Amino acid sequence: MGKMERTNIRMGELVKDSAKKDITDILKKKKKEFITKGIVTEKEFDKFCALALAKYATYGKKLKQYIEDTVYIVNDALRSGKNVLFEGAQGVMLDIDFGTYPFVTSSNTIAQGALTGSGANPFYIKRVIGVSKAYTTRVGEGPFPTEMKGKNGDILRNAGNEFGATTGRPRRIGYLDLFALKYAVDISSITEIALTKIDVLSTLNKVKVATGYKIDGKTVKTFPASAKDLANAVPIYKIVTTPIEALSKKEWRALKGKTKKELPVGIKNYIKLIEKFLAVPVTILSFGPGREDTITCQLPRPKGRGLRGQASS
């Protein structure tokens, strides 16, 4: 919020001698807001400012050795042939511009946000790995066409431990929405998929995936831009006829180093269904929270664009 209001102090300014004045000016501008919200009283305000100034004025000294212009660091690394990894948080559907507005966050969560946030040259981006669960979840309000509200939803939620890490709040659960995932792939220029929690699907007797929507009785060709339209969407489902195998941790780990063709038939067919619809490969499988609970499947070689170095998002 402060960034968009032009009231924040950038890290580069925090190390300067003028930081104390900048902090004081911000506090004075925020005085009315602080008092209205009950953060501080009129009588306490001067003392509050003095304490805040004493606290934040020391941050510049502590952080000075770590503050650099990262635009040059990142692009110099790429030009010299080094690999650079960007990691994003939150899903495509929470993007402020392309998500299910207004049920979104306040920033760009698509892969291109890595460029606006880092200043990296876009021509170095060669791999974009989209991370998706083998089913769909959502936190908070907003339209959710494939949401499961009955027994199956509870089974998946408990098996996948779909509860907020801090709040313990239950996450909303649904069948895998390939139609929405295809939109995410297109918007973020995703080149491959890391599929997580595929083991959780073995708890269901019947698995299905959404391959499209009907709105007002008509099949739509594109993902709805309006959250109101999305709220009225009825999923078009494809039944997964081969059950997802229930494997032990030992059996899962025994699959490491195998090709996708050597995976159990139900898991293999589920992956094939996803790959065919999305037109991008599943290259990573995870079957648990541990680092060792990951299988790498035939990673494709990134295609170059005549530039040294590569970046992954």
C-alpha atoms as a PDB file:
ATOM      1  CA  MET A   1       0.000   0.000   0.000  1.00  0.00           C
ATOM      2  CA  GLY A   2       2.738   2.454   0.961  1.00  0.00           C
ATOM      3  CA  LYS A   3       4.562   1.738  -2.278  1.00  0.00           C
ATOM      4  CA  MET A   4       1.531   2.676  -4.368  1.00  0.00           C
ATOM      5  CA  GLU A   5       0.897   5.730  -2.175  1.00  0.00           C
ATOM      6  CA  ARG A   6       4.521   6.818  -2.758  1.00  0.00           C
ATOM      7  CA  THR A   7       5.052   7.016   1.000  1.00  0.00           C
ATOM      8  CA  ASN A   8       7.462   4.124   1.531  1.00  0.00           C
ATOM      9  CA  ILE A   9      11.212   4.516   1.917  1.00  0.00           C
ATOM     10  CA  ARG A  10      13.210   2.472  -0.568  1.00  0.00           C
ATOM     11  CA  MET A  11      16.117   0.449   0.796  1.00  0.00           C
ATOM     12  CA  GLY A  12      18.602   2.618  -1.073  1.00  0.00           C
ATOM     13  CA  GLU A  13      17.296   5.683   0.754  1.00  0.00           C
ATOM     14  CA  LEU A  14      17.342   4.009   4.153  1.00  0.00           C
ATOM     15  CA  VAL A  15      21.160   3.982   4.235  1.00  0.00           C
ATOM     16  CA  LYS A  16      21.435   7.737   3.628  1.00  0.00           C
ATOM     17  CA  ASP A  17      21.766  10.461   6.252  1.00  0.00           C
ATOM     18  CA  SER A  18      18.402  11.836   5.161  1.00  0.00           C
ATOM     19  CA  ALA A  19      16.605   8.657   6.342  1.00  0.00           C
ATOM     20  CA  LYS A  20      15.641  10.147   9.717  1.00  0.00           C
ATOM     21  CA  LYS A  21      13.916  13.096   8.074  1.00  0.00           C
ATOM     22  CA  ASP A  22      12.188  10.799   5.563  1.00  0.00           C
ATOM     23  CA  ILE A  23      10.867   8.556   8.362  1.00  0.00           C
ATOM     24  CA  THR A  24       9.666  11.561  10.370  1.00  0.00           C
ATOM     25  CA  ASP A  25       7.838  13.005   7.354  1.00  0.00           C
ATOM     26  CA  ILE A  26       6.057   9.689   6.723  1.00  0.00           C
ATOM     27  CA  LEU A  27       4.970   9.374  10.343  1.00  0.00           C
ATOM     28  CA  LYS A  28       3.519  12.901  10.289  1.00  0.00           C
ATOM     29  CA  LYS A  29       1.599  12.145   7.074  1.00  0.00           C
ATOM     30  CA  LYS A  30       0.215   8.982   8.682  1.00  0.00           C
ATOM     31  CA  LYS A  31      -0.689  10.675  11.989  1.00  0.00           C
ATOM     32  CA  LYS A  32      -4.417  10.962  11.316  1.00  0.00           C
ATOM     33  CA  GLU A  33      -4.604   7.370  10.065  1.00  0.00           C
ATOM     34  CA  PHE A  34      -2.746   6.029  13.111  1.00  0.00           C
ATOM     35  CA  ILE A  35      -5.053   7.884  15.514  1.00  0.00           C
ATOM     36  CA  THR A  36      -8.238   6.923  13.620  1.00  0.00           C
ATOM     37  CA  LYS A  37      -7.258   3.234  13.657  1.00  0.00           C
ATOM     38  CA  GLY A  38      -6.447   3.370  17.347  1.00  0.00           C
ATOM     39  CA  ILE A  39      -2.764   2.602  16.864  1.00  0.00           C
ATOM     40  CA  VAL A  40      -1.813   5.615  18.957  1.00  0.00           C
ATOM     41  CA  THR A  41      -3.525   8.552  20.690  1.00  0.00           C
ATOM     42  CA  GLU A  42      -2.912  12.231  20.025  1.00  0.00           C
ATOM     43  CA  LYS A  43      -1.142  12.521  23.375  1.00  0.00           C
ATOM     44  CA  GLU A  44       1.124   9.547  22.679  1.00  0.00           C
ATOM     45  CA  PHE A  45       1.984  10.449  19.111  1.00  0.00           C
ATOM     46  CA  ASP A  46       5.274  12.316  19.721  1.00  0.00           C
ATOM     47  CA  LYS A  47       6.612   9.511  21.915  1.00  0.00           C
ATOM     48  CA  PHE A  48       5.456   6.961  19.349  1.00  0.00           C
ATOM     49  CA  CYS A  49       7.363   8.806  16.605  1.00  0.00           C
ATOM     50  CA  ALA A  50      10.530   8.991  18.704  1.00  0.00           C
ATOM     51  CA  LEU A  51      10.457   5.248  19.386  1.00  0.00           C
ATOM     52  CA  ALA A  52       9.752   4.421  15.752  1.00  0.00           C
ATOM     53  CA  LEU A  53      12.541   6.706  14.569  1.00  0.00           C
ATOM     54  CA  ALA A  54      15.038   5.171  16.993  1.00  0.00           C
ATOM     55  CA  LYS A  55      14.077   1.694  15.783  1.00  0.00           C
ATOM     56  CA  TYR A  56      13.992   2.210  12.023  1.00  0.00           C
ATOM     57  CA  ALA A  57      16.926   4.606  11.811  1.00  0.00           C
ATOM     58  CA  THR A  58      19.233   1.750  12.861  1.00  0.00           C
ATOM     59  CA  TYR A  59      18.042  -0.575  10.103  1.00  0.00           C
ATOM     60  CA  GLY A  60      19.971   1.251   7.406  1.00  0.00           C
ATOM     61  CA  LYS A  61      23.276   0.716   9.240  1.00  0.00           C
ATOM     62  CA  LYS A  62      22.548  -2.965   9.817  1.00  0.00           C
ATOM     63  CA  LEU A  63      21.443  -3.651   6.249  1.00  0.00           C
ATOM     64  CA  LYS A  64      23.857  -1.397   4.355  1.00  0.00           C
ATOM     65  CA  GLN A  65      26.303  -4.195   3.506  1.00  0.00           C
ATOM     66  CA  TYR A  66      23.480  -6.206   1.904  1.00  0.00           C
ATOM     67  CA  ILE A  67      21.953  -3.443  -0.217  1.00  0.00           C
ATOM     68  CA  GLU A  68      22.955  -3.404  -3.897  1.00  0.00           C
ATOM     69  CA  ASP A  69      21.332  -2.547  -7.204  1.00  0.00           C
ATOM     70  CA  THR A  70      20.094  -6.029  -8.038  1.00  0.00           C
ATOM     71  CA  VAL A  71      19.243  -5.114 -11.647  1.00  0.00           C
ATOM     72  CA  TYR A  72      22.945  -5.161 -12.478  1.00  0.00           C
ATOM     73  CA  ILE A  73      23.712  -8.192 -10.317  1.00  0.00           C
ATOM     74  CA  VAL A  74      21.024 -10.316 -11.992  1.00  0.00           C
ATOM     75  CA  ASN A  75      21.750  -9.279 -15.562  1.00  0.00           C
ATOM     76  CA  ASP A  76      25.527  -9.523 -15.125  1.00  0.00           C
ATOM     77  CA  ALA A  77      25.036 -13.075 -13.837  1.00  0.00           C
ATOM     78  CA  LEU A  78      22.897 -13.980 -16.846  1.00  0.00           C
ATOM     79  CA  ARG A  79      25.327 -12.422 -19.325  1.00  0.00           C
ATOM     80  CA  SER A  80      28.184 -14.387 -17.781  1.00  0.00           C
ATOM     81  CA  GLY A  81      26.347 -17.670 -18.347  1.00  0.00           C
ATOM     82  CA  LYS A  82      25.118 -18.308 -14.806  1.00  0.00           C
ATOM     83  CA  ASN A  83      21.694 -19.745 -14.041  1.00  0.00           C
ATOM     84  CA  VAL A  84      19.220 -17.589 -12.116  1.00  0.00           C
ATOM     85  CA  LEU A  85      16.125 -18.932 -10.375  1.00  0.00           C
ATOM     86  CA  PHE A  86      13.110 -16.766  -9.533  1.00  0.00           C
ATOM     87  CA  GLU A  87      10.485 -18.113  -7.157  1.00  0.00           C
ATOM     88  CA  GLY A  88       6.979 -16.708  -7.006  1.00  0.00           C
ATOM     89  CA  ALA A  89       4.305 -16.993  -4.346  1.00  0.00           C
ATOM     90  CA  GLN A  90       0.532 -17.309  -4.805  1.00  0.00           C
ATOM     91  CA  GLY A  91      -1.251 -18.566  -7.895  1.00  0.00           C
ATOM     92  CA  VAL A  92      -2.089 -17.075 -11.273  1.00  0.00           C
ATOM     93  CA  MET A  93      -5.748 -16.750 -10.291  1.00  0.00           C
ATOM     94  CA  LEU A  94      -4.744 -14.276  -7.572  1.00  0.00           C
ATOM     95  CA  ASP A  95      -3.026 -11.930 -10.022  1.00  0.00           C
ATOM     96  CA  ILE A  96      -4.282  -8.352  -9.708  1.00  0.00           C
ATOM     97  CA  ASP A  97      -4.748  -8.019 -13.488  1.00  0.00           C
ATOM     98  CA  PHE A  98      -5.447 -11.542 -14.747  1.00  0.00           C
ATOM     99  CA  GLY A  99      -6.934 -13.283 -11.710  1.00  0.00           C
ATOM    100  CA  THR A 100     -10.509 -13.652 -10.478  1.00  0.00           C
ATOM    101  CA  TYR A 101     -10.836  -9.948  -9.638  1.00  0.00           C
ATOM    102  CA  PRO A 102     -11.787  -8.694  -7.051  1.00  0.00           C
ATOM    103  CA  PHE A 103     -10.893 -11.923  -5.220  1.00  0.00           C
ATOM    104  CA  VAL A 104      -7.189 -11.392  -5.822  1.00  0.00           C
ATOM    105  CA  THR A 105      -4.025 -10.138  -4.156  1.00  0.00           C
ATOM    106  CA  SER A 106      -2.461  -6.711  -4.755  1.00  0.00           C
ATOM    107  CA  SER A 107       0.385  -7.661  -7.076  1.00  0.00           C
ATOM    108  CA  ASN A 108       1.235  -9.550 -10.244  1.00  0.00           C
ATOM    109  CA  THR A 109       1.595 -13.227  -9.380  1.00  0.00           C
ATOM    110  CA  ILE A 110       2.076 -14.440 -12.952  1.00  0.00           C
ATOM    111  CA  ALA A 111       5.575 -15.441 -14.093  1.00  0.00           C
ATOM    112  CA  GLN A 112       6.142 -12.066 -15.717  1.00  0.00           C
ATOM    113  CA  GLY A 113       6.088 -10.538 -12.235  1.00  0.00           C
ATOM    114  CA  ALA A 114       9.585 -11.968 -11.787  1.00  0.00           C
ATOM    115  CA  LEU A 115      10.774  -9.558 -14.462  1.00  0.00           C
ATOM    116  CA  THR A 116       9.074  -6.445 -13.120  1.00  0.00           C
ATOM    117  CA  GLY A 117      10.327  -7.279  -9.638  1.00  0.00           C
ATOM    118  CA  SER A 118      13.921  -8.015 -10.584  1.00  0.00           C
ATOM    119  CA  GLY A 119      14.629  -6.041 -13.747  1.00  0.00           C
ATOM    120  CA  ALA A 120      15.950  -9.175 -15.463  1.00  0.00           C
ATOM    121  CA  ASN A 121      16.137  -9.094 -19.261  1.00  0.00           C
ATOM    122  CA  PRO A 122      13.060 -11.060 -20.499  1.00  0.00           C
ATOM    123  CA  PHE A 123      15.032 -12.643 -23.344  1.00  0.00           C
ATOM    124  CA  TYR A 124      16.933 -14.770 -20.821  1.00  0.00           C
ATOM    125  CA  ILE A 125      13.796 -16.551 -19.582  1.00  0.00           C
ATOM    126  CA  LYS A 126      13.906 -20.078 -20.999  1.00  0.00           C
ATOM    127  CA  ARG A 127      12.017 -22.168 -18.461  1.00  0.00           C
ATOM    128  CA  VAL A 128       8.848 -21.388 -16.533  1.00  0.00           C
ATOM    129  CA  ILE A 129       7.867 -24.167 -14.144  1.00  0.00           C
ATOM    130  CA  GLY A 130       4.222 -24.070 -13.109  1.00  0.00           C
ATOM    131  CA  VAL A 131       3.540 -25.710  -9.750  1.00  0.00           C
ATOM    132  CA  SER A 132       0.110 -27.317  -9.501  1.00  0.00           C
ATOM    133  CA  LYS A 133      -1.505 -29.726  -7.098  1.00  0.00           C
ATOM    134  CA  ALA A 134      -3.101 -32.829  -8.603  1.00  0.00           C
ATOM    135  CA  TYR A 135      -6.390 -31.309  -7.464  1.00  0.00           C
ATOM    136  CA  THR A 136      -7.492 -27.695  -6.948  1.00  0.00           C
ATOM    137  CA  THR A 137      -7.580 -25.616  -3.767  1.00  0.00           C
ATOM    138  CA  ARG A 138      -8.548 -22.074  -2.917  1.00  0.00           C
ATOM    139  CA  VAL A 139      -8.169 -19.953   0.203  1.00  0.00           C
ATOM    140  CA  GLY A 140     -10.819 -17.376   1.030  1.00  0.00           C
ATOM    141  CA  GLU A 141     -13.739 -16.176  -1.033  1.00  0.00           C
ATOM    142  CA  GLY A 142     -14.213 -16.163  -4.788  1.00  0.00           C
ATOM    143  CA  PRO A 143     -15.702 -18.375  -7.509  1.00  0.00           C
ATOM    144  CA  PHE A 144     -14.596 -22.012  -7.520  1.00  0.00           C
ATOM    145  CA  PRO A 145     -16.388 -24.053 -10.235  1.00  0.00           C
ATOM    146  CA  THR A 146     -14.972 -27.493  -9.287  1.00  0.00           C
ATOM    147  CA  GLU A 147     -15.361 -27.099  -5.512  1.00  0.00           C
ATOM    148  CA  MET A 148     -16.220 -30.285  -3.607  1.00  0.00           C
ATOM    149  CA  LYS A 149     -18.375 -29.542  -0.569  1.00  0.00           C
ATOM    150  CA  GLY A 150     -19.306 -33.046   0.520  1.00  0.00           C
ATOM    151  CA  LYS A 151     -17.577 -36.153   1.816  1.00  0.00           C
ATOM    152  CA  ASN A 152     -14.996 -36.320  -0.989  1.00  0.00           C
ATOM    153  CA  GLY A 153     -13.870 -32.787  -0.244  1.00  0.00           C
ATOM    154  CA  ASP A 154     -13.356 -33.653   3.416  1.00  0.00           C
ATOM    155  CA  ILE A 155     -11.414 -36.792   2.464  1.00  0.00           C
ATOM    156  CA  LEU A 156      -9.030 -34.857   0.204  1.00  0.00           C
ATOM    157  CA  ARG A 157      -8.661 -31.993   2.691  1.00  0.00           C
ATOM    158  CA  ASN A 158      -7.644 -34.319   5.495  1.00  0.00           C
ATOM    159  CA  ALA A 159      -5.444 -36.562   3.354  1.00  0.00           C
ATOM    160  CA  GLY A 160      -3.636 -33.547   1.868  1.00  0.00           C
ATOM    161  CA  ASN A 161      -3.503 -31.629   5.179  1.00  0.00           C
ATOM    162  CA  GLU A 162      -5.178 -28.689   3.470  1.00  0.00           C
ATOM    163  CA  PHE A 163      -5.280 -26.345   6.426  1.00  0.00           C
ATOM    164  CA  GLY A 164      -3.627 -22.948   6.835  1.00  0.00           C
ATOM    165  CA  ALA A 165      -0.139 -23.298   8.324  1.00  0.00           C
ATOM    166  CA  THR A 166      -0.672 -20.311  10.629  1.00  0.00           C
ATOM    167  CA  THR A 167      -4.429 -20.070  11.110  1.00  0.00           C
ATOM    168  CA  GLY A 168      -5.413 -23.724  10.727  1.00  0.00           C
ATOM    169  CA  ARG A 169      -8.205 -22.495   8.444  1.00  0.00           C
ATOM    170  CA  PRO A 170      -9.548 -25.270   6.146  1.00  0.00           C
ATOM    171  CA  ARG A 171      -8.782 -24.702   2.481  1.00  0.00           C
ATOM    172  CA  ARG A 172     -11.518 -25.096  -0.117  1.00  0.00           C
ATOM    173  CA  ILE A 173     -11.052 -28.271  -2.155  1.00  0.00           C
ATOM    174  CA  GLY A 174     -12.018 -29.198  -5.717  1.00  0.00           C
ATOM    175  CA  TYR A 175     -11.321 -31.544  -8.579  1.00  0.00           C
ATOM    176  CA  LEU A 176      -8.444 -30.564 -10.842  1.00  0.00           C
ATOM    177  CA  ASP A 177      -9.599 -27.707 -13.086  1.00  0.00           C
ATOM    178  CA  LEU A 178      -7.666 -28.214 -16.310  1.00  0.00           C
ATOM    179  CA  PHE A 179      -9.576 -25.415 -18.022  1.00  0.00           C
ATOM    180  CA  ALA A 180      -8.328 -22.902 -15.446  1.00  0.00           C
ATOM    181  CA  LEU A 181      -4.874 -24.489 -15.423  1.00  0.00           C
ATOM    182  CA  LYS A 182      -4.617 -24.134 -19.206  1.00  0.00           C
ATOM    183  CA  TYR A 183      -5.400 -20.439 -18.803  1.00  0.00           C
ATOM    184  CA  ALA A 184      -2.610 -20.192 -16.206  1.00  0.00           C
ATOM    185  CA  VAL A 185      -0.195 -21.971 -18.559  1.00  0.00           C
ATOM    186  CA  ASP A 186      -0.981 -19.527 -21.363  1.00  0.00           C
ATOM    187  CA  ILE A 187      -0.866 -16.390 -19.207  1.00  0.00           C
ATOM    188  CA  SER A 188       2.432 -17.299 -17.523  1.00  0.00           C
ATOM    189  CA  SER A 189       4.075 -18.878 -20.581  1.00  0.00           C
ATOM    190  CA  ILE A 190       4.589 -22.049 -18.547  1.00  0.00           C
ATOM    191  CA  THR A 191       6.899 -24.566 -20.223  1.00  0.00           C
ATOM    192  CA  GLU A 192       6.514 -27.482 -17.786  1.00  0.00           C
ATOM    193  CA  ILE A 193       4.502 -28.604 -14.778  1.00  0.00           C
ATOM    194  CA  ALA A 194       5.581 -29.689 -11.312  1.00  0.00           C
ATOM    195  CA  LEU A 195       2.643 -31.804 -10.125  1.00  0.00           C
ATOM    196  CA  THR A 196       2.330 -32.076  -6.347  1.00  0.00           C
ATOM    197  CA  LYS A 197       0.266 -34.248  -3.987  1.00  0.00           C
ATOM    198  CA  ILE A 198      -0.627 -36.793  -6.644  1.00  0.00           C
ATOM    199  CA  ASP A 199      -0.545 -39.444  -3.922  1.00  0.00           C
ATOM    200  CA  VAL A 200      -3.514 -37.794  -2.191  1.00  0.00           C
ATOM    201  CA  LEU A 201      -5.839 -38.668  -5.087  1.00  0.00           C
ATOM    202  CA  SER A 202      -5.545 -42.361  -4.221  1.00  0.00           C
ATOM    203  CA  THR A 203      -7.943 -41.699  -1.330  1.00  0.00           C
ATOM    204  CA  LEU A 204     -10.848 -41.155  -3.765  1.00  0.00           C
ATOM    205  CA  ASN A 205     -12.851 -43.955  -5.358  1.00  0.00           C
ATOM    206  CA  LYS A 206     -13.622 -41.799  -8.386  1.00  0.00           C
ATOM    207  CA  VAL A 207     -11.488 -38.999  -9.808  1.00  0.00           C
ATOM    208  CA  LYS A 208     -12.537 -36.500 -12.462  1.00  0.00           C
ATOM    209  CA  VAL A 209     -11.096 -33.347 -14.016  1.00  0.00           C
ATOM    210  CA  ALA A 210     -12.766 -30.268 -15.514  1.00  0.00           C
ATOM    211  CA  THR A 211     -12.000 -29.754 -19.202  1.00  0.00           C
ATOM    212  CA  GLY A 212     -14.344 -26.833 -19.839  1.00  0.00           C
ATOM    213  CA  TYR A 213     -17.304 -24.793 -18.582  1.00  0.00           C
ATOM    214  CA  LYS A 214     -20.899 -24.113 -19.512  1.00  0.00           C
ATOM    215  CA  ILE A 215     -22.314 -20.703 -18.680  1.00  0.00           C
ATOM    216  CA  ASP A 216     -26.046 -20.117 -19.137  1.00  0.00           C
ATOM    217  CA  GLY A 217     -26.236 -23.476 -20.879  1.00  0.00           C
ATOM    218  CA  LYS A 218     -23.579 -22.620 -23.477  1.00  0.00           C
ATOM    219  CA  THR A 219     -20.097 -24.098 -23.677  1.00  0.00           C
ATOM    220  CA  VAL A 220     -17.504 -21.326 -23.489  1.00  0.00           C
ATOM    221  CA  LYS A 221     -14.290 -21.412 -25.486  1.00  0.00           C
ATOM    222  CA  THR A 222     -12.189 -19.167 -23.262  1.00  0.00           C
ATOM    223  CA  PHE A 223     -11.689 -18.788 -19.531  1.00  0.00           C
ATOM    224  CA  PRO A 224     -14.164 -16.165 -18.200  1.00  0.00           C
ATOM    225  CA  ALA A 225     -12.676 -12.724 -17.593  1.00  0.00           C
ATOM    226  CA  SER A 226     -15.512 -11.857 -15.200  1.00  0.00           C
ATOM    227  CA  ALA A 227     -15.681 -13.338 -11.712  1.00  0.00           C
ATOM    228  CA  LYS A 228     -19.469 -13.107 -11.938  1.00  0.00           C
ATOM    229  CA  ASP A 229     -19.455 -15.281 -15.061  1.00  0.00           C
ATOM    230  CA  LEU A 230     -17.050 -17.696 -13.402  1.00  0.00           C
ATOM    231  CA  ALA A 231     -19.403 -17.961 -10.412  1.00  0.00           C
ATOM    232  CA  ASN A 232     -22.120 -19.170 -12.812  1.00  0.00           C
ATOM    233  CA  ALA A 233     -19.850 -21.641 -14.612  1.00  0.00           C
ATOM    234  CA  VAL A 234     -20.825 -25.319 -14.588  1.00  0.00           C
ATOM    235  CA  PRO A 235     -17.787 -27.585 -15.105  1.00  0.00           C
ATOM    236  CA  ILE A 236     -17.620 -30.085 -17.938  1.00  0.00           C
ATOM    237  CA  TYR A 237     -16.006 -33.141 -16.392  1.00  0.00           C
ATOM    238  CA  LYS A 238     -13.984 -36.012 -17.771  1.00  0.00           C
ATOM    239  CA  ILE A 239     -14.005 -39.132 -15.606  1.00  0.00           C
ATOM    240  CA  VAL A 240     -10.607 -40.673 -14.895  1.00  0.00           C
ATOM    241  CA  THR A 241     -11.308 -44.356 -15.503  1.00  0.00           C
ATOM    242  CA  THR A 242      -8.064 -45.788 -14.105  1.00  0.00           C
ATOM    243  CA  PRO A 243      -7.766 -45.474 -10.301  1.00  0.00           C
ATOM    244  CA  ILE A 244      -4.757 -43.654  -8.866  1.00  0.00           C
ATOM    245  CA  GLU A 245      -2.635 -46.258  -7.114  1.00  0.00           C
ATOM    246  CA  ALA A 246      -2.109 -46.061  -3.346  1.00  0.00           C
ATOM    247  CA  LEU A 247       1.631 -46.450  -2.856  1.00  0.00           C
ATOM    248  CA  SER A 248       3.729 -46.486   0.282  1.00  0.00           C
ATOM    249  CA  LYS A 249       6.597 -44.004   0.698  1.00  0.00           C
ATOM    250  CA  LYS A 250       8.997 -46.848  -0.023  1.00  0.00           C
ATOM    251  CA  GLU A 251       7.183 -47.721  -3.262  1.00  0.00           C
ATOM    252  CA  TRP A 252       7.100 -44.065  -4.337  1.00  0.00           C
ATOM    253  CA  ARG A 253      10.806 -43.610  -3.703  1.00  0.00           C
ATOM    254  CA  ALA A 254      11.540 -46.778  -5.663  1.00  0.00           C
ATOM    255  CA  LEU A 255      10.164 -44.946  -8.726  1.00  0.00           C
ATOM    256  CA  LYS A 256      12.999 -42.415  -8.687  1.00  0.00           C
ATOM    257  CA  GLY A 257      15.077 -42.676 -11.829  1.00  0.00           C
ATOM    258  CA  LYS A 258      12.243 -44.343 -13.736  1.00  0.00           C
ATOM    259  CA  THR A 259      10.756 -42.900 -16.904  1.00  0.00           C
ATOM    260  CA  LYS A 260       7.136 -41.804 -17.033  1.00  0.00           C
ATOM    261  CA  LYS A 261       6.370 -44.933 -19.046  1.00  0.00           C
ATOM    262  CA  GLU A 262       7.471 -47.025 -16.062  1.00  0.00           C
ATOM    263  CA  LEU A 263       5.118 -45.371 -13.569  1.00  0.00           C
ATOM    264  CA  PRO A 264       2.040 -47.274 -12.292  1.00  0.00           C
ATOM    265  CA  VAL A 265      -0.676 -47.236 -14.944  1.00  0.00           C
ATOM    266  CA  GLY A 266      -3.185 -45.044 -13.053  1.00  0.00           C
ATOM    267  CA  ILE A 267      -0.603 -42.380 -12.195  1.00  0.00           C
ATOM    268  CA  LYS A 268       0.839 -42.543 -15.712  1.00  0.00           C
ATOM    269  CA  ASN A 269      -2.574 -42.120 -17.358  1.00  0.00           C
ATOM    270  CA  TYR A 270      -3.447 -39.171 -15.096  1.00  0.00           C
ATOM    271  CA  ILE A 271      -0.228 -37.441 -16.103  1.00  0.00           C
ATOM    272  CA  LYS A 272      -0.884 -38.177 -19.784  1.00  0.00           C
ATOM    273  CA  LEU A 273      -4.350 -36.634 -19.497  1.00  0.00           C
ATOM    274  CA  ILE A 274      -2.889 -33.466 -18.002  1.00  0.00           C
ATOM    275  CA  GLU A 275      -0.063 -33.230 -20.544  1.00  0.00           C
ATOM    276  CA  LYS A 276      -2.393 -33.730 -23.513  1.00  0.00           C
ATOM    277  CA  PHE A 277      -4.797 -31.013 -22.368  1.00  0.00           C
ATOM    278  CA  LEU A 278      -2.145 -28.470 -21.360  1.00  0.00           C
ATOM    279  CA  ALA A 279       0.287 -29.259 -24.208  1.00  0.00           C
ATOM    280  CA  VAL A 280       3.212 -28.990 -21.768  1.00  0.00           C
ATOM    281  CA  PRO A 281       5.034 -31.852 -20.016  1.00  0.00           C
ATOM    282  CA  VAL A 282       4.853 -32.842 -16.366  1.00  0.00           C
ATOM    283  CA  THR A 283       8.523 -32.967 -15.392  1.00  0.00           C
ATOM    284  CA  ILE A 284       8.364 -33.109 -11.593  1.00  0.00           C
ATOM    285  CA  LEU A 285       6.182 -35.245  -9.330  1.00  0.00           C
ATOM    286  CA  SER A 286       5.946 -34.879  -5.574  1.00  0.00           C
ATOM    287  CA  PHE A 287       4.296 -37.310  -3.214  1.00  0.00           C
ATOM    288  CA  GLY A 288       5.010 -35.723   0.165  1.00  0.00           C
ATOM    289  CA  PRO A 289       6.376 -32.665   1.985  1.00  0.00           C
ATOM    290  CA  GLY A 290       9.993 -33.859   2.239  1.00  0.00           C
ATOM    291  CA  ARG A 291      12.761 -32.932  -0.188  1.00  0.00           C
ATOM    292  CA  GLU A 292      13.257 -36.633  -0.836  1.00  0.00           C
ATOM    293  CA  ASP A 293       9.581 -37.000  -1.820  1.00  0.00           C
ATOM    294  CA  THR A 294      10.186 -35.714  -5.343  1.00  0.00           C
ATOM    295  CA  ILE A 295      10.616 -37.455  -8.681  1.00  0.00           C
ATOM    296  CA  THR A 296      12.180 -35.706 -11.681  1.00  0.00           C
ATOM    297  CA  CYS A 297      10.789 -36.966 -14.973  1.00  0.00           C
ATOM    298  CA  GLN A 298      12.719 -36.401 -18.188  1.00  0.00           C
ATOM    299  CA  LEU A 299      13.401 -32.693 -17.867  1.00  0.00           C
ATOM    300  CA  PRO A 300      13.382 -31.120 -21.334  1.00  0.00           C
ATOM    301  CA  ARG A 301      16.469 -29.275 -22.474  1.00  0.00           C
ATOM    302  CA  PRO A 302      15.739 -25.515 -22.538  1.00  0.00           C
ATOM    303  CA  LYS A 303      15.760 -24.007 -26.010  1.00  0.00           C
ATOM    304  CA  GLY A 304      18.137 -21.064 -26.354  1.00  0.00           C
ATOM    305  CA  ARG A 305      17.474 -17.681 -27.917  1.00  0.00           C
ATOM    306  CA  GLY A 306      20.993 -16.854 -28.961  1.00  0.00           C
ATOM    307  CA  LEU A 307      21.943 -15.538 -25.519  1.00  0.00           C
ATOM    308  CA  ARG A 308      24.193 -16.965 -22.853  1.00  0.00           C
ATOM    309  CA  GLY A 309      22.824 -17.886 -19.454  1.00  0.00           C
ATOM    310  CA  GLN A 310      19.294 -18.823 -18.612  1.00  0.00           C
ATOM    311  CA  ALA A 311      16.650 -17.868 -16.121  1.00  0.00           C
ATOM    312  CA  SER A 312      13.897 -20.014 -14.686  1.00  0.00           C
ATOM    313  CA  SER A 313      10.763 -18.681 -13.055  1.00  0.00           C
END
